[in-house]
């Protein structure tokens, strides 16, 4: 648990569980994970670096 993301179900920022680094279709990096409380999918777009 490192990156924080926004859970739309809980309406709060939380540390993601089972996060993995992915690349979006436009080439930008992102982190994909799950909410530790409700299990909803969470997504965080990272910087351009």
N, C-alpha and C. Protein backbone atom coordinates (compact mmCIF):
# COMPACT_ATOMS: atom_id res chain seq x y z
N UNK A 1 0.85 -1.19 0.00
CA UNK A 1 0.00 0.00 0.00
C UNK A 1 0.89 1.24 0.00
N UNK A 2 0.87 1.92 -1.12
CA UNK A 2 1.71 3.09 -1.22
C UNK A 2 0.94 4.29 -1.75
N UNK A 3 0.47 4.18 -2.97
CA UNK A 3 -0.21 5.29 -3.62
C UNK A 3 -1.61 5.48 -3.06
N UNK A 4 -2.04 6.74 -3.01
CA UNK A 4 -3.41 7.02 -2.60
C UNK A 4 -4.23 7.35 -3.83
N UNK A 5 -5.47 6.94 -3.81
CA UNK A 5 -6.40 7.20 -4.90
C UNK A 5 -7.73 7.61 -4.32
N UNK A 6 -8.65 8.01 -5.19
CA UNK A 6 -9.98 8.44 -4.74
C UNK A 6 -10.98 7.32 -5.00
N UNK A 7 -11.68 6.93 -3.97
CA UNK A 7 -12.72 5.91 -4.10
C UNK A 7 -14.06 6.63 -4.32
N UNK A 8 -14.69 6.37 -5.46
CA UNK A 8 -15.95 7.05 -5.75
C UNK A 8 -17.11 6.50 -4.92
N UNK A 9 -17.00 5.27 -4.45
CA UNK A 9 -18.05 4.68 -3.63
C UNK A 9 -18.00 5.23 -2.20
N UNK A 10 -16.81 5.29 -1.61
CA UNK A 10 -16.63 5.81 -0.25
C UNK A 10 -16.55 7.34 -0.23
N UNK A 11 -16.28 7.96 -1.39
CA UNK A 11 -16.12 9.41 -1.52
C UNK A 11 -15.01 9.93 -0.61
N UNK A 12 -13.85 9.24 -0.67
CA UNK A 12 -12.72 9.62 0.17
C UNK A 12 -11.42 9.14 -0.47
N UNK A 13 -10.31 9.83 -0.15
CA UNK A 13 -8.99 9.40 -0.62
C UNK A 13 -8.47 8.34 0.34
N UNK A 14 -7.94 7.25 -0.23
CA UNK A 14 -7.43 6.15 0.59
C UNK A 14 -6.21 5.53 -0.09
N UNK A 15 -5.43 4.81 0.69
CA UNK A 15 -4.29 4.07 0.14
C UNK A 15 -4.84 2.86 -0.61
N UNK A 16 -4.35 2.65 -1.84
CA UNK A 16 -4.83 1.55 -2.67
C UNK A 16 -4.28 0.21 -2.21
N UNK A 17 -5.05 -0.83 -2.42
CA UNK A 17 -4.64 -2.20 -2.12
C UNK A 17 -4.43 -2.92 -3.46
N UNK A 18 -3.46 -3.80 -3.53
CA UNK A 18 -3.15 -4.57 -4.74
C UNK A 18 -2.88 -3.66 -5.94
N UNK A 19 -2.10 -2.58 -5.71
CA UNK A 19 -1.87 -1.64 -6.81
C UNK A 19 -0.87 -2.19 -7.81
N UNK A 20 -1.05 -1.79 -9.05
CA UNK A 20 -0.11 -2.17 -10.10
C UNK A 20 0.02 -1.02 -11.08
N UNK A 21 1.22 -0.87 -11.63
CA UNK A 21 1.48 0.22 -12.56
C UNK A 21 1.01 -0.19 -13.95
N UNK A 22 0.23 0.66 -14.59
CA UNK A 22 -0.27 0.39 -15.93
C UNK A 22 0.01 1.60 -16.82
N UNK A 23 -0.07 1.40 -18.12
CA UNK A 23 0.07 2.49 -19.07
C UNK A 23 -1.25 2.64 -19.80
N UNK A 24 -1.78 3.86 -19.82
CA UNK A 24 -3.05 4.11 -20.49
C UNK A 24 -2.86 4.13 -22.01
N UNK A 25 -3.95 4.14 -22.75
CA UNK A 25 -3.90 4.13 -24.21
C UNK A 25 -3.13 5.31 -24.79
N UNK A 26 -3.18 6.46 -24.11
CA UNK A 26 -2.47 7.64 -24.60
C UNK A 26 -1.00 7.66 -24.18
N UNK A 27 -0.52 6.60 -23.51
CA UNK A 27 0.88 6.49 -23.15
C UNK A 27 1.24 7.01 -21.76
N UNK A 28 0.30 7.61 -21.06
CA UNK A 28 0.60 8.13 -19.72
C UNK A 28 0.55 7.02 -18.68
N UNK A 29 1.44 7.08 -17.69
CA UNK A 29 1.43 6.06 -16.64
C UNK A 29 0.31 6.30 -15.63
N UNK A 30 -0.18 5.22 -15.04
CA UNK A 30 -1.24 5.30 -14.04
C UNK A 30 -1.07 4.14 -13.05
N UNK A 31 -1.72 4.27 -11.90
CA UNK A 31 -1.74 3.20 -10.91
C UNK A 31 -3.18 2.71 -10.79
N UNK A 32 -3.32 1.39 -10.76
CA UNK A 32 -4.63 0.77 -10.68
C UNK A 32 -4.65 -0.08 -9.42
N UNK A 33 -5.72 0.00 -8.65
CA UNK A 33 -5.79 -0.78 -7.41
C UNK A 33 -7.23 -0.92 -6.94
N UNK A 34 -7.38 -1.36 -5.70
CA UNK A 34 -8.71 -1.54 -5.11
C UNK A 34 -8.79 -0.81 -3.79
N UNK A 35 -10.00 -0.40 -3.43
CA UNK A 35 -10.25 0.25 -2.15
C UNK A 35 -10.12 -0.79 -1.04
N UNK A 36 -9.37 -0.49 0.02
CA UNK A 36 -9.21 -1.47 1.10
C UNK A 36 -10.48 -1.72 1.90
N UNK A 37 -11.45 -0.80 1.84
CA UNK A 37 -12.68 -0.98 2.63
C UNK A 37 -13.80 -1.66 1.85
N UNK A 38 -14.09 -1.15 0.61
CA UNK A 38 -15.24 -1.68 -0.11
C UNK A 38 -14.86 -2.53 -1.32
N UNK A 39 -13.59 -2.50 -1.74
CA UNK A 39 -13.15 -3.34 -2.85
C UNK A 39 -13.41 -2.76 -4.23
N UNK A 40 -13.90 -1.53 -4.31
CA UNK A 40 -14.15 -0.88 -5.59
C UNK A 40 -12.83 -0.57 -6.29
N UNK A 41 -12.82 -0.67 -7.62
CA UNK A 41 -11.62 -0.35 -8.39
C UNK A 41 -11.26 1.12 -8.27
N UNK A 42 -9.96 1.40 -8.07
CA UNK A 42 -9.48 2.78 -7.95
C UNK A 42 -8.41 3.00 -9.01
N UNK A 43 -8.26 4.24 -9.44
CA UNK A 43 -7.33 4.58 -10.50
C UNK A 43 -6.70 5.91 -10.18
N UNK A 44 -5.41 6.04 -10.41
CA UNK A 44 -4.73 7.32 -10.21
C UNK A 44 -3.81 7.57 -11.39
N UNK A 45 -4.00 8.71 -12.07
CA UNK A 45 -3.14 9.09 -13.19
C UNK A 45 -1.88 9.72 -12.62
N UNK A 46 -0.73 9.22 -13.07
CA UNK A 46 0.55 9.70 -12.58
C UNK A 46 1.07 10.83 -13.47
N UNK A 47 2.19 11.42 -13.08
CA UNK A 47 2.80 12.49 -13.84
C UNK A 47 3.36 12.01 -15.17
N UNK A 48 3.77 12.94 -16.01
CA UNK A 48 4.25 12.61 -17.35
C UNK A 48 5.65 12.00 -17.37
N UNK A 49 6.35 11.98 -16.23
CA UNK A 49 7.73 11.46 -16.20
C UNK A 49 7.79 10.01 -16.51
